[in-house]
Amino acid sequence: MIQVDIKERKIKNKVILKDINFKVSKGEIIGLVGENGAGKSSTMKAITGLTKNFKGSITYNNKPVEQNLAVSSFIEYPKFIDNLTGKENIDYFSTLANRKISSNLKDLMSAWGLDKHLNNKAKNYSLGTKQKLGLIITLLFNRPFYVIDEPTNGMDDDSRRHLFDYLKFLKSQNIGILISSHNLNDVNEICDRIIKISNGTIEDSNYNFKKLITMNIPNSDKKVISKYFNIVSSDNDMVTVEYDNDFIKNLSLINSEYKEIDLISINNYYNN
């Protein structure tokens, strides 16, 4: 079990994390949610040792996490060597991990179509393919825990489904996973428990929410949206709201006031 106890973290005298306390056990998937700037990535960096200047502790078996190599992580951006091909990256990191790529991980690569790009330089990959390569490299390392930040960026629905199936497989192998995502429906689907962070502290350690809808609203005006919907999170032009019995009625009302809503993206998202 990983015990997270971040009492405080400051940057230039500004408190960005305070009283972050939770546990991640083997064989469970924990979700971390919150708006941009809430403190999700900062918390994950502290857990993985990328950030050390905070008051508190992160322990595994009562020892600092970094001392027993308990965690493999994917934080913010995929990590690999640009000038190497995908295959060369996997071979290099497999050597570092002292582990050959497993058949299950090969199956994930094949399902993603990543095997078709392995002879190309990684720097020429699309965003989605870079994301997949970075995740494969993270998952190469045999650790009791994985910390994964926004794993589905740049992925289509099929790719997301294959990733979730693999994470569920890891859970069945008694591996613990902490995952964050701006797509709250993703987190709701895969996680055993969800922790909501707001303004650098835990707002709810067992967060439950209704069916969610993500809307693409260019130059979104939250004041207009909040008249009709309960906003759960927002990320640039994407706003996630709760779906309830009045959703369709309110959608018509808000569309008459706010002409730029992308109705097609909303309906397609719901129908999926």
Protein backbone atom coordinates (compact mmCIF):
# COMPACT_ATOMS: atom_id res chain seq x y z
CA MET A 1 0.00 0.00 0.00
CA ILE A 2 1.14 3.52 -0.83
CA GLN A 3 0.38 6.09 1.85
CA VAL A 4 0.18 9.69 0.62
CA ASP A 5 0.52 12.36 3.30
CA ILE A 6 1.29 15.76 1.76
CA LYS A 7 0.88 18.35 4.48
CA GLU A 8 1.88 21.32 2.34
CA ARG A 9 3.68 22.29 -0.84
CA LYS A 10 4.49 25.88 -1.75
CA ILE A 11 5.82 27.59 -4.86
CA LYS A 12 7.06 31.13 -4.29
CA ASN A 13 5.17 31.35 -0.99
CA LYS A 14 1.94 30.25 -2.64
CA VAL A 15 0.38 27.09 -1.20
CA ILE A 16 -0.50 24.76 -4.10
CA LEU A 17 -1.10 21.55 -2.12
CA LYS A 18 -2.41 21.19 1.41
CA ASP A 19 -3.62 18.21 3.46
CA ILE A 20 -3.53 15.64 0.65
CA ASN A 21 -4.02 12.33 2.44
CA PHE A 22 -5.06 9.03 0.86
CA LYS A 23 -3.98 5.43 0.31
CA VAL A 24 -3.62 3.34 -2.83
CA SER A 25 -3.75 -0.39 -2.22
CA LYS A 26 -2.64 -3.22 -4.47
CA GLY A 27 -5.39 -4.51 -6.71
CA GLU A 28 -7.38 -1.27 -6.91
CA ILE A 29 -7.68 1.58 -9.38
CA ILE A 30 -8.05 5.04 -7.83
CA GLY A 31 -9.13 8.06 -9.88
CA LEU A 32 -7.92 11.60 -9.30
CA VAL A 33 -10.19 14.31 -10.72
CA GLY A 34 -10.42 18.09 -10.61
CA GLU A 35 -10.24 21.13 -12.87
CA ASN A 36 -7.02 22.35 -14.48
CA GLY A 37 -4.75 23.73 -11.78
CA ALA A 38 -6.55 21.86 -8.98
CA GLY A 39 -3.37 20.00 -8.01
CA LYS A 40 -3.70 16.59 -9.71
CA SER A 41 -0.36 16.61 -11.53
CA SER A 42 1.45 18.21 -8.58
CA THR A 43 0.17 15.41 -6.34
CA MET A 44 1.28 12.77 -8.82
CA LYS A 45 4.73 14.34 -9.15
CA ALA A 46 5.13 14.22 -5.38
CA ILE A 47 4.11 10.56 -5.29
CA THR A 48 6.63 9.60 -7.96
CA GLY A 49 9.51 11.63 -6.53
CA LEU A 50 9.58 14.17 -9.36
CA THR A 51 8.80 16.80 -6.71
CA LYS A 52 10.59 16.58 -3.38
CA ASN A 53 10.18 20.01 -1.80
CA PHE A 54 7.01 19.48 0.19
CA LYS A 55 6.14 18.87 3.82
CA GLY A 56 4.95 15.35 4.48
CA SER A 57 5.77 11.89 3.18
CA ILE A 58 4.98 9.32 0.50
CA THR A 59 5.66 5.78 1.73
CA TYR A 60 5.40 2.19 0.57
CA ASN A 61 5.77 -0.47 3.25
CA ASN A 62 6.69 2.34 5.66
CA LYS A 63 9.68 3.41 3.54
CA PRO A 64 9.97 6.33 1.07
CA VAL A 65 8.55 5.27 -2.29
CA GLU A 66 11.73 6.11 -4.25
CA GLN A 67 13.84 3.82 -2.04
CA ASN A 68 12.08 0.63 -3.09
CA LEU A 69 11.19 1.38 -6.73
CA ALA A 70 7.50 0.87 -6.06
CA VAL A 71 6.11 3.11 -8.81
CA SER A 72 6.33 3.43 -12.57
CA SER A 73 4.80 6.67 -13.81
CA PHE A 74 3.47 8.53 -16.81
CA ILE A 75 3.17 12.22 -15.89
CA GLU A 76 1.96 14.98 -18.26
CA TYR A 77 3.98 14.05 -21.36
CA PRO A 78 5.19 10.75 -22.86
CA LYS A 79 8.88 10.11 -22.17
CA PHE A 80 11.06 8.51 -24.82
CA ILE A 81 14.13 9.23 -26.94
CA ASP A 82 13.09 11.29 -29.98
CA ASN A 83 15.86 10.22 -32.34
CA LEU A 84 15.32 6.51 -31.79
CA THR A 85 12.66 4.44 -33.52
CA GLY A 86 9.78 3.03 -31.55
CA LYS A 87 11.43 -0.39 -31.51
CA GLU A 88 14.76 1.04 -30.40
CA ASN A 89 13.01 2.89 -27.57
CA ILE A 90 11.26 -0.26 -26.41
CA ASP A 91 14.49 -2.29 -26.59
CA TYR A 92 16.38 0.40 -24.66
CA PHE A 93 13.82 0.74 -21.88
CA SER A 94 13.34 -3.03 -21.72
CA THR A 95 17.05 -3.27 -20.93
CA LEU A 96 16.73 -0.59 -18.25
CA ALA A 97 13.73 -2.40 -16.78
CA ASN A 98 15.57 -5.73 -17.02
CA ARG A 99 12.40 -7.16 -18.46
CA LYS A 100 11.29 -8.46 -21.84
CA ILE A 101 8.02 -7.08 -23.15
CA SER A 102 5.19 -9.38 -22.08
CA SER A 103 2.76 -11.07 -24.47
CA ASN A 104 -0.11 -9.04 -22.96
CA LEU A 105 1.74 -5.80 -23.61
CA LYS A 106 2.51 -6.96 -27.17
CA ASP A 107 -1.21 -7.61 -27.62
CA LEU A 108 -1.94 -4.05 -26.47
CA MET A 109 0.60 -2.66 -28.95
CA SER A 110 -1.00 -4.69 -31.74
CA ALA A 111 -4.53 -3.62 -30.78
CA TRP A 112 -3.35 0.00 -30.87
CA GLY A 113 -1.65 -0.49 -34.25
CA LEU A 114 1.61 0.69 -32.68
CA ASP A 115 3.50 -2.27 -34.15
CA LYS A 116 3.05 -0.71 -37.60
CA HIS A 117 5.08 2.36 -36.55
CA LEU A 118 7.93 0.71 -34.63
CA ASN A 119 10.50 1.26 -37.39
CA ASN A 120 9.77 5.00 -37.60
CA LYS A 121 11.54 7.66 -35.55
CA ALA A 122 9.52 8.48 -32.45
CA LYS A 123 9.85 12.23 -33.06
CA ASN A 124 7.73 11.83 -36.21
CA TYR A 125 4.83 10.14 -34.42
CA SER A 126 1.42 11.75 -34.09
CA LEU A 127 0.29 12.91 -30.64
CA GLY A 128 -1.78 9.77 -30.13
CA THR A 129 1.03 7.44 -31.21
CA LYS A 130 3.52 9.23 -28.93
CA GLN A 131 1.04 8.80 -26.10
CA LYS A 132 0.81 5.07 -26.77
CA LEU A 133 4.58 4.61 -26.98
CA GLY A 134 5.04 6.49 -23.71
CA LEU A 135 2.45 4.30 -22.00
CA ILE A 136 4.05 1.09 -23.31
CA ILE A 137 7.42 2.26 -21.92
CA THR A 138 5.82 3.05 -18.55
CA LEU A 139 4.13 -0.34 -18.41
CA LEU A 140 7.38 -2.14 -19.30
CA PHE A 141 8.63 -1.55 -15.78
CA ASN A 142 7.42 -4.25 -13.43
CA ARG A 143 6.19 -2.30 -10.41
CA PRO A 144 3.50 -2.93 -7.78
CA PHE A 145 2.01 0.50 -8.56
CA TYR A 146 1.48 2.70 -11.62
CA VAL A 147 0.76 6.43 -11.55
CA ILE A 148 -0.73 7.55 -14.87
CA ASP A 149 -1.66 11.15 -15.70
CA GLU A 150 -4.20 11.81 -18.51
CA PRO A 151 -3.50 8.54 -20.36
CA THR A 152 -6.20 8.88 -23.04
CA ASN A 153 -5.02 12.18 -24.56
CA GLY A 154 -5.08 11.88 -28.35
CA MET A 155 -6.77 8.45 -28.30
CA ASP A 156 -9.91 7.34 -30.10
CA ASP A 157 -12.63 5.29 -28.40
CA ASP A 158 -11.21 1.92 -29.47
CA SER A 159 -7.74 2.80 -28.18
CA ARG A 160 -9.21 3.93 -24.87
CA ARG A 161 -11.12 0.67 -24.58
CA HIS A 162 -7.98 -1.42 -25.16
CA LEU A 163 -6.08 0.61 -22.55
CA PHE A 164 -8.83 0.18 -19.97
CA ASP A 165 -8.93 -3.57 -20.60
CA TYR A 166 -5.19 -3.74 -19.97
CA LEU A 167 -5.43 -1.68 -16.77
CA LYS A 168 -8.19 -3.98 -15.54
CA PHE A 169 -5.88 -6.92 -16.29
CA LEU A 170 -3.15 -5.28 -14.17
CA LYS A 171 -5.66 -4.82 -11.37
CA SER A 172 -6.44 -8.54 -11.55
CA GLN A 173 -2.70 -9.16 -11.04
CA ASN A 174 -2.88 -7.28 -7.71
CA ILE A 175 -1.27 -4.12 -9.09
CA GLY A 176 -2.42 -0.74 -7.77
CA ILE A 177 -3.10 2.13 -10.18
CA LEU A 178 -3.63 5.86 -9.63
CA ILE A 179 -5.05 7.53 -12.73
CA SER A 180 -6.12 11.09 -13.52
CA SER A 181 -8.22 12.29 -16.42
CA HIS A 182 -10.19 15.36 -17.50
CA ASN A 183 -12.69 12.89 -18.99
CA LEU A 184 -14.68 12.07 -15.87
CA ASN A 185 -16.75 9.41 -17.62
CA ASP A 186 -13.52 7.49 -18.26
CA VAL A 187 -12.56 7.68 -14.60
CA ASN A 188 -16.05 6.72 -13.48
CA GLU A 189 -15.98 3.65 -15.70
CA ILE A 190 -12.65 2.18 -14.64
CA CYS A 191 -12.01 3.29 -11.05
CA ASP A 192 -12.95 1.63 -7.78
CA ARG A 193 -12.86 4.95 -5.96
CA ILE A 194 -12.52 8.59 -7.04
CA ILE A 195 -10.80 11.42 -5.18
CA LYS A 196 -11.73 14.98 -6.13
CA ILE A 197 -9.10 17.67 -5.66
CA SER A 198 -10.01 21.36 -5.65
CA ASN A 199 -7.73 24.33 -5.00
CA GLY A 200 -4.88 22.08 -3.93
CA THR A 201 -6.74 20.06 -1.32
CA ILE A 202 -9.05 17.05 -1.21
CA GLU A 203 -12.66 18.14 -1.58
CA ASP A 204 -14.10 14.61 -1.57
CA SER A 205 -12.21 11.37 -0.94
CA ASN A 206 -15.06 9.19 -2.22
CA TYR A 207 -16.51 11.22 -5.04
CA ASN A 208 -19.64 10.01 -6.82
CA PHE A 209 -21.27 11.65 -9.79
CA LYS A 210 -24.04 11.15 -12.30
CA LYS A 211 -23.78 10.41 -16.00
CA LEU A 212 -21.61 13.13 -17.52
CA ILE A 213 -21.68 14.91 -20.85
CA THR A 214 -18.72 16.78 -22.32
CA MET A 215 -19.57 19.76 -24.54
CA ASN A 216 -17.31 21.56 -26.98
CA ILE A 217 -18.04 25.27 -26.51
CA PRO A 218 -15.66 27.68 -28.28
CA ASN A 219 -14.86 30.67 -26.07
CA SER A 220 -17.08 29.11 -23.41
CA ASP A 221 -18.92 31.36 -21.00
CA LYS A 222 -19.30 29.47 -17.72
CA LYS A 223 -21.88 31.94 -16.43
CA VAL A 224 -24.22 31.04 -19.27
CA ILE A 225 -23.56 27.30 -18.95
CA SER A 226 -24.01 27.28 -15.17
CA LYS A 227 -27.55 28.70 -15.50
CA TYR A 228 -28.70 25.37 -16.90
CA PHE A 229 -26.14 22.72 -15.91
CA ASN A 230 -24.07 21.64 -12.93
CA ILE A 231 -20.49 22.04 -14.18
CA VAL A 232 -18.25 19.23 -12.97
CA SER A 233 -15.04 20.29 -14.72
CA SER A 234 -13.74 22.44 -17.56
CA ASP A 235 -10.65 22.26 -19.74
CA ASN A 236 -10.14 25.07 -22.25
CA ASP A 237 -13.15 24.84 -24.59
CA MET A 238 -14.39 21.54 -23.13
CA VAL A 239 -16.98 21.71 -20.34
CA THR A 240 -18.21 18.57 -18.55
CA VAL A 241 -21.66 18.74 -16.95
CA GLU A 242 -24.00 16.32 -15.19
CA TYR A 243 -26.63 14.62 -17.36
CA ASP A 244 -30.09 14.54 -15.78
CA ASN A 245 -33.75 14.35 -16.84
CA ASP A 246 -33.77 18.01 -17.86
CA PHE A 247 -30.64 17.79 -20.02
CA ILE A 248 -32.39 17.85 -23.44
CA LYS A 249 -34.78 20.65 -22.39
CA ASN A 250 -31.92 22.73 -20.99
CA LEU A 251 -29.84 22.04 -24.08
CA SER A 252 -32.55 23.64 -26.23
CA LEU A 253 -32.81 26.62 -23.90
CA ILE A 254 -29.10 27.24 -23.79
CA ASN A 255 -28.76 26.83 -27.56
CA SER A 256 -31.24 29.66 -28.10
CA GLU A 257 -29.07 31.91 -25.93
CA TYR A 258 -25.65 30.62 -26.87
CA LYS A 259 -25.45 29.90 -30.59
CA GLU A 260 -21.88 28.56 -30.72
CA ILE A 261 -22.46 25.25 -28.91
CA ASP A 262 -21.33 22.28 -31.00
CA LEU A 263 -24.52 20.22 -30.82
CA ILE A 264 -23.15 17.44 -33.00
CA SER A 265 -20.25 16.72 -30.66
CA ILE A 266 -22.61 16.67 -27.67
CA ASN A 267 -25.09 14.27 -29.25
CA ASN A 268 -22.41 11.99 -30.64
CA TYR A 269 -20.75 11.83 -27.25
CA TYR A 270 -24.04 10.92 -25.56
CA ASN A 271 -25.02 8.32 -28.14
CA ASN A 272 -21.69 6.56 -27.69
